[in-house]
Protein backbone atom coordinates (compact mmCIF):
# COMPACT_ATOMS: atom_id res chain seq x y z
CA MET A 1 23.99 17.46 -13.35
CA SER A 2 20.70 16.09 -11.44
CA ARG A 3 19.83 17.20 -8.07
CA LYS A 4 19.46 14.14 -5.33
CA ARG A 5 15.58 14.20 -4.19
CA ARG A 6 14.99 14.39 -0.56
CA SER A 7 12.44 12.41 0.73
CA PHE A 8 10.72 12.87 4.31
CA SER A 9 8.94 10.41 6.87
CA ALA A 10 5.37 10.47 7.21
CA GLU A 11 5.75 11.59 10.89
CA PHE A 12 7.46 14.51 9.54
CA LYS A 13 4.77 15.26 6.89
CA ALA A 14 1.94 14.86 9.32
CA GLN A 15 3.96 17.27 11.33
CA VAL A 16 4.15 19.96 8.80
CA VAL A 17 0.43 19.46 7.58
CA LEU A 18 -0.75 19.77 11.09
CA GLU A 19 0.97 23.09 11.57
CA LEU A 20 -0.48 24.14 8.25
CA ILE A 21 -4.09 23.20 9.32
CA SER A 22 -4.11 24.46 12.96
CA GLY A 23 -2.85 27.72 11.51
CA LYS A 24 0.16 27.71 13.41
CA LYS A 25 2.13 28.59 10.21
CA SER A 26 1.20 29.87 6.74
CA LEU A 27 1.69 27.71 3.88
CA MET A 28 4.78 30.57 2.99
CA GLU A 29 6.38 30.27 6.67
CA ALA A 30 6.43 26.54 6.29
CA SER A 31 7.86 26.64 2.76
CA ARG A 32 10.65 28.83 3.99
CA GLU A 33 11.39 27.29 7.10
CA TYR A 34 11.68 23.76 5.89
CA ASN A 35 13.04 24.64 2.68
CA ILE A 36 10.13 23.09 0.73
CA LYS A 37 7.88 24.04 -2.10
CA ASP A 38 4.56 25.47 -1.36
CA THR A 39 3.49 23.02 -4.29
CA VAL A 40 4.41 20.16 -2.11
CA LEU A 41 3.34 21.54 1.07
CA SER A 42 -0.19 22.00 -0.51
CA ARG A 43 -0.39 18.66 -1.97
CA TRP A 44 0.82 16.74 1.51
CA LYS A 45 -1.96 18.88 3.12
CA GLN A 46 -4.52 17.61 0.48
CA GLU A 47 -3.70 14.04 0.82
CA PHE A 48 -3.78 14.27 4.84
CA VAL A 49 -7.38 15.75 4.43
CA GLY A 50 -8.17 13.14 1.73
CA LYS A 51 -7.15 10.31 3.65
CA ALA A 52 -8.73 11.43 6.75
CA SER A 53 -11.75 9.96 6.64
CA GLN A 54 -9.66 6.36 7.03
CA VAL A 55 -8.75 7.28 10.69
CA PHE A 56 -12.52 6.97 11.31
CA GLU A 57 -13.05 3.77 9.45
CA GLN A 58 -15.36 1.26 11.81
CA PRO A 59 -13.34 -1.83 12.97
CA GLN A 60 -16.15 -3.87 11.60
CA GLU A 61 -15.33 -2.66 8.09
CA VAL A 62 -11.44 -3.61 8.39
CA GLN A 63 -12.35 -6.98 10.02
CA GLU A 64 -14.22 -7.87 7.11
CA LYS A 65 -12.18 -6.65 4.50
CA GLU A 66 -9.16 -8.59 6.47
CA ALA A 67 -11.35 -11.83 6.49
CA ARG A 68 -12.30 -11.07 2.76
CA ILE A 69 -8.22 -11.10 2.15
CA ALA A 70 -7.54 -14.08 4.32
CA GLU A 71 -9.96 -16.05 2.50
CA LEU A 72 -8.68 -15.46 -0.95
CA GLU A 73 -5.29 -15.92 0.16
CA ARG A 74 -6.71 -19.32 1.42
CA MET A 75 -8.26 -20.04 -2.30
CA VAL A 76 -5.08 -19.07 -3.70
CA GLY A 77 -3.14 -21.38 -1.88
CA LYS A 78 -5.80 -24.28 -2.57
CA LEU A 79 -5.72 -23.94 -6.15
CA THR A 80 -1.76 -23.40 -6.26
CA MET A 81 -1.61 -27.23 -4.55
CA GLN A 82 -4.53 -28.28 -7.05
CA ILE A 83 -2.40 -27.02 -10.05
CA GLU A 84 0.84 -29.02 -8.52
CA LEU A 85 -1.12 -31.81 -7.95
CA GLN A 86 -2.50 -31.90 -11.75
CA LYS A 87 1.21 -31.25 -13.02
CA LYS A 88 2.80 -34.35 -10.97
CA VAL A 89 -0.49 -36.57 -11.98
CA LEU A 90 0.06 -35.11 -16.02
CA SER A 91 4.06 -35.92 -15.72
CA LEU A 92 3.42 -39.41 -14.10
CA ALA A 93 0.72 -40.28 -17.10
CA ASN A 94 3.34 -39.24 -19.58
CA SER A 95 6.13 -41.35 -18.08
CA LEU A 96 3.79 -44.43 -17.72
CA SER A 97 2.23 -43.86 -21.50
CA ARG A 98 6.64 -43.27 -22.50
CA ASP A 99 7.41 -46.99 -20.47
CA ASN A 100 4.34 -48.85 -22.44
CA GLU A 101 5.51 -47.94 -25.62
């Protein structure tokens, strides 16, 4: 018999990790209170701290990344249209060559 995995919202995880970081609760206290293994809480904390620098990412960097993504999406759209046009031309050429035979 397998146990169903519990899932926790990002807000809940952040709340628990902030309690750990602030010293409001120890790892073992939080583990007992929320009935979550200490290894899971440690992983949440490690992930939280590891991604903390993203909060301070400069808006310019974000704008540059978004602009690059938009540029790439436009290129993909243009290439898709070119491929579709080439398929139609090829199809038309094939049908004309069959008619001439």
